[in-house]
Amino acid sequence: MLDGQHFRFTERVDSFVRSSIMPYLPITLTNRNKSVEVMALLDTGANVNVLPYEVGVQLGANWEEQTISIELSGNLASHEARGLVLSGTVAPFSPILLAFAWTY
């Protein structure tokens, strides 16, 4: 049996003061020698991991160097996205490679 870890649902309030409770998990993303800690939404029904543009920039990624185009759907369908592979670490587990659709 695999070792597991439990993460609580977290309440978030948007700019319109609407509250929602969603499953977020703390993850450290790393690109080369730069790391950033973020809260990632767990969406077990998603077909793709989406990375906000600002997070990629914080990690030193260069938009022009990413040559793989990714087509998004839903409310992000009109946004351009490019493939980006990062290392992700959720404590206490070992790092793994994660593929993202990096978008504006």
N, C-alpha and C. Protein backbone atom coordinates (compact mmCIF):
# COMPACT_ATOMS: atom_id res chain seq x y z
N MET A 1 0.84 -1.18 0.00
CA MET A 1 0.00 0.00 0.00
C MET A 1 0.89 1.25 0.00
N LEU A 2 0.48 2.26 -0.74
CA LEU A 2 1.22 3.52 -0.80
C LEU A 2 0.98 4.36 0.44
N ASP A 3 2.02 5.08 0.86
CA ASP A 3 1.85 6.02 1.96
C ASP A 3 1.03 7.20 1.46
N GLY A 4 0.16 7.70 2.27
CA GLY A 4 -0.69 8.81 1.86
C GLY A 4 -0.52 10.02 2.75
N GLN A 5 -1.13 11.10 2.31
CA GLN A 5 -1.10 12.34 3.06
C GLN A 5 -2.46 13.00 2.87
N HIS A 6 -3.02 13.57 3.93
CA HIS A 6 -4.31 14.25 3.85
C HIS A 6 -4.09 15.76 3.81
N PHE A 7 -4.87 16.44 2.98
CA PHE A 7 -4.83 17.90 2.89
C PHE A 7 -6.26 18.41 3.04
N ARG A 8 -6.43 19.40 3.89
CA ARG A 8 -7.75 19.94 4.16
C ARG A 8 -8.23 20.84 3.02
N PHE A 9 -9.55 20.93 2.89
CA PHE A 9 -10.12 21.90 1.97
C PHE A 9 -9.86 23.28 2.54
N THR A 10 -9.65 24.26 1.67
CA THR A 10 -9.30 25.61 2.09
C THR A 10 -10.34 26.59 1.57
N GLU A 11 -10.75 27.52 2.43
CA GLU A 11 -11.69 28.55 2.00
C GLU A 11 -10.92 29.68 1.33
N ARG A 12 -11.39 30.09 0.17
CA ARG A 12 -10.83 31.22 -0.55
C ARG A 12 -11.94 32.22 -0.81
N VAL A 13 -11.59 33.50 -0.73
CA VAL A 13 -12.55 34.57 -1.02
C VAL A 13 -12.00 35.38 -2.18
N ASP A 14 -12.83 35.53 -3.25
CA ASP A 14 -12.37 36.27 -4.42
C ASP A 14 -12.61 37.77 -4.26
N SER A 15 -12.28 38.54 -5.30
CA SER A 15 -12.39 40.00 -5.23
C SER A 15 -13.84 40.49 -5.11
N PHE A 16 -14.81 39.62 -5.39
CA PHE A 16 -16.22 39.97 -5.25
C PHE A 16 -16.77 39.49 -3.90
N VAL A 17 -15.88 39.07 -3.01
CA VAL A 17 -16.19 38.59 -1.67
C VAL A 17 -17.06 37.33 -1.72
N ARG A 18 -16.87 36.53 -2.76
CA ARG A 18 -17.54 35.24 -2.86
C ARG A 18 -16.60 34.20 -2.27
N SER A 19 -17.16 33.37 -1.42
CA SER A 19 -16.37 32.35 -0.73
C SER A 19 -16.55 31.00 -1.41
N SER A 20 -15.46 30.24 -1.49
CA SER A 20 -15.54 28.88 -1.99
C SER A 20 -14.56 28.02 -1.19
N ILE A 21 -14.91 26.78 -1.02
CA ILE A 21 -14.05 25.85 -0.31
C ILE A 21 -13.59 24.81 -1.32
N MET A 22 -12.26 24.75 -1.52
CA MET A 22 -11.70 23.87 -2.54
C MET A 22 -10.48 23.15 -2.01
N PRO A 23 -10.13 22.03 -2.65
CA PRO A 23 -8.96 21.27 -2.20
C PRO A 23 -7.66 21.84 -2.78
N TYR A 24 -6.91 22.52 -1.95
CA TYR A 24 -5.60 23.06 -2.35
C TYR A 24 -4.51 22.27 -1.65
N LEU A 25 -3.36 22.19 -2.32
CA LEU A 25 -2.24 21.51 -1.71
C LEU A 25 -0.99 22.33 -1.89
N PRO A 26 -0.18 22.42 -0.84
CA PRO A 26 1.07 23.18 -0.95
C PRO A 26 2.09 22.39 -1.77
N ILE A 27 2.69 23.04 -2.75
CA ILE A 27 3.67 22.38 -3.61
C ILE A 27 4.81 23.35 -3.90
N THR A 28 6.01 22.83 -3.95
CA THR A 28 7.16 23.63 -4.35
C THR A 28 7.50 23.26 -5.79
N LEU A 29 7.46 24.26 -6.67
CA LEU A 29 7.82 24.06 -8.08
C LEU A 29 9.24 24.56 -8.29
N THR A 30 10.02 23.81 -9.07
CA THR A 30 11.41 24.16 -9.31
C THR A 30 11.71 24.10 -10.80
N ASN A 31 12.43 25.12 -11.28
CA ASN A 31 12.92 25.18 -12.65
C ASN A 31 14.39 25.57 -12.57
N ARG A 32 15.25 24.65 -12.93
CA ARG A 32 16.70 24.85 -12.81
C ARG A 32 17.04 25.16 -11.36
N ASN A 33 17.53 26.35 -11.06
CA ASN A 33 17.95 26.67 -9.69
C ASN A 33 16.97 27.60 -8.96
N LYS A 34 15.77 27.80 -9.52
CA LYS A 34 14.78 28.67 -8.88
C LYS A 34 13.58 27.86 -8.43
N SER A 35 13.09 28.18 -7.22
CA SER A 35 11.93 27.48 -6.67
C SER A 35 10.91 28.49 -6.17
N VAL A 36 9.66 28.09 -6.19
CA VAL A 36 8.58 28.92 -5.64
C VAL A 36 7.56 27.98 -4.98
N GLU A 37 7.07 28.40 -3.82
CA GLU A 37 6.03 27.65 -3.13
C GLU A 37 4.68 28.24 -3.49
N VAL A 38 3.76 27.39 -3.93
CA VAL A 38 2.43 27.83 -4.33
C VAL A 38 1.38 26.89 -3.74
N MET A 39 0.14 27.33 -3.78
CA MET A 39 -0.98 26.46 -3.42
C MET A 39 -1.63 26.03 -4.73
N ALA A 40 -1.66 24.73 -4.96
CA ALA A 40 -2.20 24.18 -6.20
C ALA A 40 -3.60 23.62 -5.96
N LEU A 41 -4.50 23.92 -6.88
CA LEU A 41 -5.84 23.37 -6.81
C LEU A 41 -5.80 21.92 -7.29
N LEU A 42 -6.33 21.02 -6.48
CA LEU A 42 -6.43 19.62 -6.88
C LEU A 42 -7.69 19.45 -7.71
N ASP A 43 -7.53 19.19 -8.98
CA ASP A 43 -8.66 18.98 -9.88
C ASP A 43 -8.47 17.62 -10.53
N THR A 44 -9.00 16.58 -9.90
CA THR A 44 -8.77 15.23 -10.37
C THR A 44 -9.48 14.93 -11.69
N GLY A 45 -10.34 15.83 -12.15
CA GLY A 45 -11.01 15.64 -13.42
C GLY A 45 -10.37 16.41 -14.56
N ALA A 46 -9.30 17.14 -14.27
CA ALA A 46 -8.66 17.97 -15.30
C ALA A 46 -7.82 17.11 -16.24
N ASN A 47 -7.76 17.55 -17.49
CA ASN A 47 -6.94 16.88 -18.49
C ASN A 47 -5.54 17.48 -18.57
N VAL A 48 -5.36 18.65 -17.98
CA VAL A 48 -4.07 19.33 -18.09
C VAL A 48 -3.82 20.16 -16.84
N ASN A 49 -2.55 20.29 -16.46
CA ASN A 49 -2.14 21.20 -15.39
C ASN A 49 -1.89 22.56 -16.00
N VAL A 50 -2.51 23.60 -15.48
CA VAL A 50 -2.34 24.94 -16.01
C VAL A 50 -1.50 25.76 -15.04
N LEU A 51 -0.46 26.42 -15.58
CA LEU A 51 0.44 27.23 -14.76
C LEU A 51 0.26 28.69 -15.14
N PRO A 52 -0.07 29.56 -14.18
CA PRO A 52 -0.18 30.99 -14.49
C PRO A 52 1.15 31.56 -14.97
N TYR A 53 1.06 32.50 -15.89
CA TYR A 53 2.25 33.11 -16.49
C TYR A 53 3.20 33.66 -15.44
N GLU A 54 2.67 34.35 -14.43
CA GLU A 54 3.51 34.99 -13.41
C GLU A 54 4.36 33.98 -12.65
N VAL A 55 3.82 32.78 -12.41
CA VAL A 55 4.58 31.75 -11.69
C VAL A 55 5.74 31.26 -12.55
N GLY A 56 5.50 31.07 -13.84
CA GLY A 56 6.59 30.68 -14.74
C GLY A 56 7.69 31.71 -14.78
N VAL A 57 7.32 32.98 -14.80
CA VAL A 57 8.31 34.07 -14.81
C VAL A 57 9.12 34.04 -13.51
N GLN A 58 8.45 33.85 -12.37
CA GLN A 58 9.16 33.76 -11.08
C GLN A 58 10.17 32.62 -11.09
N LEU A 59 9.89 31.57 -11.86
CA LEU A 59 10.78 30.43 -11.94
C LEU A 59 11.86 30.59 -13.01
N GLY A 60 11.89 31.75 -13.66
CA GLY A 60 12.93 32.02 -14.65
C GLY A 60 12.66 31.43 -16.02
N ALA A 61 11.44 30.96 -16.26
CA ALA A 61 11.11 30.40 -17.57
C ALA A 61 11.01 31.53 -18.60
N ASN A 62 11.39 31.22 -19.83
CA ASN A 62 11.36 32.19 -20.93
C ASN A 62 10.29 31.75 -21.93
N TRP A 63 9.27 32.58 -22.12
CA TRP A 63 8.15 32.26 -23.00
C TRP A 63 8.63 31.88 -24.40
N GLU A 64 9.57 32.63 -24.95
CA GLU A 64 10.03 32.40 -26.32
C GLU A 64 10.76 31.06 -26.47
N GLU A 65 11.32 30.53 -25.40
CA GLU A 65 12.04 29.26 -25.46
C GLU A 65 11.12 28.04 -25.47
N GLN A 66 9.86 28.23 -25.10
CA GLN A 66 8.91 27.12 -25.05
C GLN A 66 8.29 26.95 -26.43
N THR A 67 8.57 25.83 -27.06
CA THR A 67 8.17 25.64 -28.47
C THR A 67 6.95 24.74 -28.65
N ILE A 68 6.48 24.11 -27.57
CA ILE A 68 5.32 23.23 -27.69
C ILE A 68 4.07 24.01 -27.38
N SER A 69 3.18 24.10 -28.37
CA SER A 69 1.92 24.82 -28.21
C SER A 69 0.87 23.87 -27.62
N ILE A 70 0.09 24.36 -26.67
CA ILE A 70 -0.95 23.57 -26.01
C ILE A 70 -2.28 24.26 -26.24
N GLU A 71 -3.29 23.49 -26.65
CA GLU A 71 -4.63 24.06 -26.84
C GLU A 71 -5.44 23.86 -25.56
N LEU A 72 -5.94 24.96 -25.03
CA LEU A 72 -6.76 24.91 -23.82
C LEU A 72 -8.24 24.92 -24.20
N SER A 73 -9.09 24.54 -23.26
CA SER A 73 -10.53 24.55 -23.50
C SER A 73 -11.22 25.29 -22.36
N GLY A 74 -12.52 25.34 -22.41
CA GLY A 74 -13.30 26.00 -21.36
C GLY A 74 -13.05 27.49 -21.32
N ASN A 75 -13.00 28.06 -20.11
CA ASN A 75 -12.86 29.51 -19.99
C ASN A 75 -11.45 30.00 -20.35
N LEU A 76 -10.50 29.09 -20.59
CA LEU A 76 -9.16 29.47 -21.02
C LEU A 76 -8.91 29.21 -22.51
N ALA A 77 -9.95 28.84 -23.24
CA ALA A 77 -9.80 28.47 -24.65
C ALA A 77 -9.20 29.57 -25.52
N SER A 78 -9.42 30.82 -25.17
CA SER A 78 -8.92 31.92 -26.00
C SER A 78 -7.48 32.31 -25.64
N HIS A 79 -6.89 31.66 -24.64
CA HIS A 79 -5.54 32.01 -24.18
C HIS A 79 -4.50 31.11 -24.84
N GLU A 80 -3.40 31.70 -25.24
CA GLU A 80 -2.29 30.93 -25.78
C GLU A 80 -1.59 30.22 -24.63
N ALA A 81 -1.17 28.99 -24.87
CA ALA A 81 -0.45 28.23 -23.85
C ALA A 81 0.70 27.47 -24.48
N ARG A 82 1.77 27.33 -23.73
CA ARG A 82 2.94 26.58 -24.17
C ARG A 82 3.34 25.58 -23.11
N GLY A 83 3.89 24.46 -23.54
CA GLY A 83 4.29 23.40 -22.63
C GLY A 83 5.51 23.77 -21.80
N LEU A 84 5.50 23.43 -20.54
CA LEU A 84 6.62 23.69 -19.64
C LEU A 84 6.69 22.54 -18.63
N VAL A 85 7.87 21.94 -18.49
CA VAL A 85 8.06 20.85 -17.54
C VAL A 85 8.84 21.37 -16.34
N LEU A 86 8.31 21.13 -15.15
CA LEU A 86 8.91 21.59 -13.90
C LEU A 86 9.01 20.42 -12.93
N SER A 87 9.87 20.56 -11.95
CA SER A 87 9.92 19.62 -10.85
C SER A 87 8.95 20.09 -9.79
N GLY A 88 8.18 19.16 -9.23
CA GLY A 88 7.23 19.50 -8.18
C GLY A 88 7.46 18.65 -6.95
N THR A 89 7.41 19.29 -5.78
CA THR A 89 7.61 18.56 -4.54
C THR A 89 6.47 18.88 -3.57
N VAL A 90 5.81 17.84 -3.13
CA VAL A 90 4.81 17.94 -2.07
C VAL A 90 5.40 17.19 -0.88
N ALA A 91 5.73 17.93 0.19
CA ALA A 91 6.33 17.30 1.36
C ALA A 91 5.34 16.32 1.97
N PRO A 92 5.75 15.18 2.36
CA PRO A 92 7.10 14.66 2.54
C PRO A 92 7.56 13.77 1.38
N PHE A 93 6.93 13.89 0.22
CA PHE A 93 7.24 13.01 -0.90
C PHE A 93 8.42 13.51 -1.73
N SER A 94 9.00 12.63 -2.51
CA SER A 94 10.12 12.97 -3.39
C SER A 94 9.64 13.82 -4.56
N PRO A 95 10.53 14.64 -5.15
CA PRO A 95 10.15 15.45 -6.31
C PRO A 95 9.79 14.58 -7.51
N ILE A 96 8.87 15.10 -8.33
CA ILE A 96 8.51 14.45 -9.59
C ILE A 96 8.45 15.51 -10.68
N LEU A 97 8.56 15.09 -11.94
CA LEU A 97 8.42 16.01 -13.06
C LEU A 97 6.94 16.16 -13.38
N LEU A 98 6.51 17.41 -13.60
CA LEU A 98 5.13 17.72 -13.93
C LEU A 98 5.11 18.55 -15.21
N ALA A 99 4.20 18.20 -16.12
CA ALA A 99 4.04 18.97 -17.36
C ALA A 99 2.90 19.95 -17.18
N PHE A 100 3.13 21.19 -17.61
CA PHE A 100 2.12 22.25 -17.48
C PHE A 100 1.82 22.89 -18.82
N ALA A 101 0.60 23.40 -18.95
CA ALA A 101 0.24 24.33 -20.01
C ALA A 101 0.44 25.70 -19.38
N TRP A 102 1.51 26.38 -19.79
CA TRP A 102 1.86 27.68 -19.23
C TRP A 102 1.14 28.73 -20.04
N THR A 103 0.33 29.57 -19.41
CA THR A 103 -0.51 30.49 -20.16
C THR A 103 -0.53 31.88 -19.55
N TYR A 104 -0.88 32.87 -20.40
CA TYR A 104 -1.04 34.26 -19.98
C TYR A 104 -2.31 34.41 -19.21
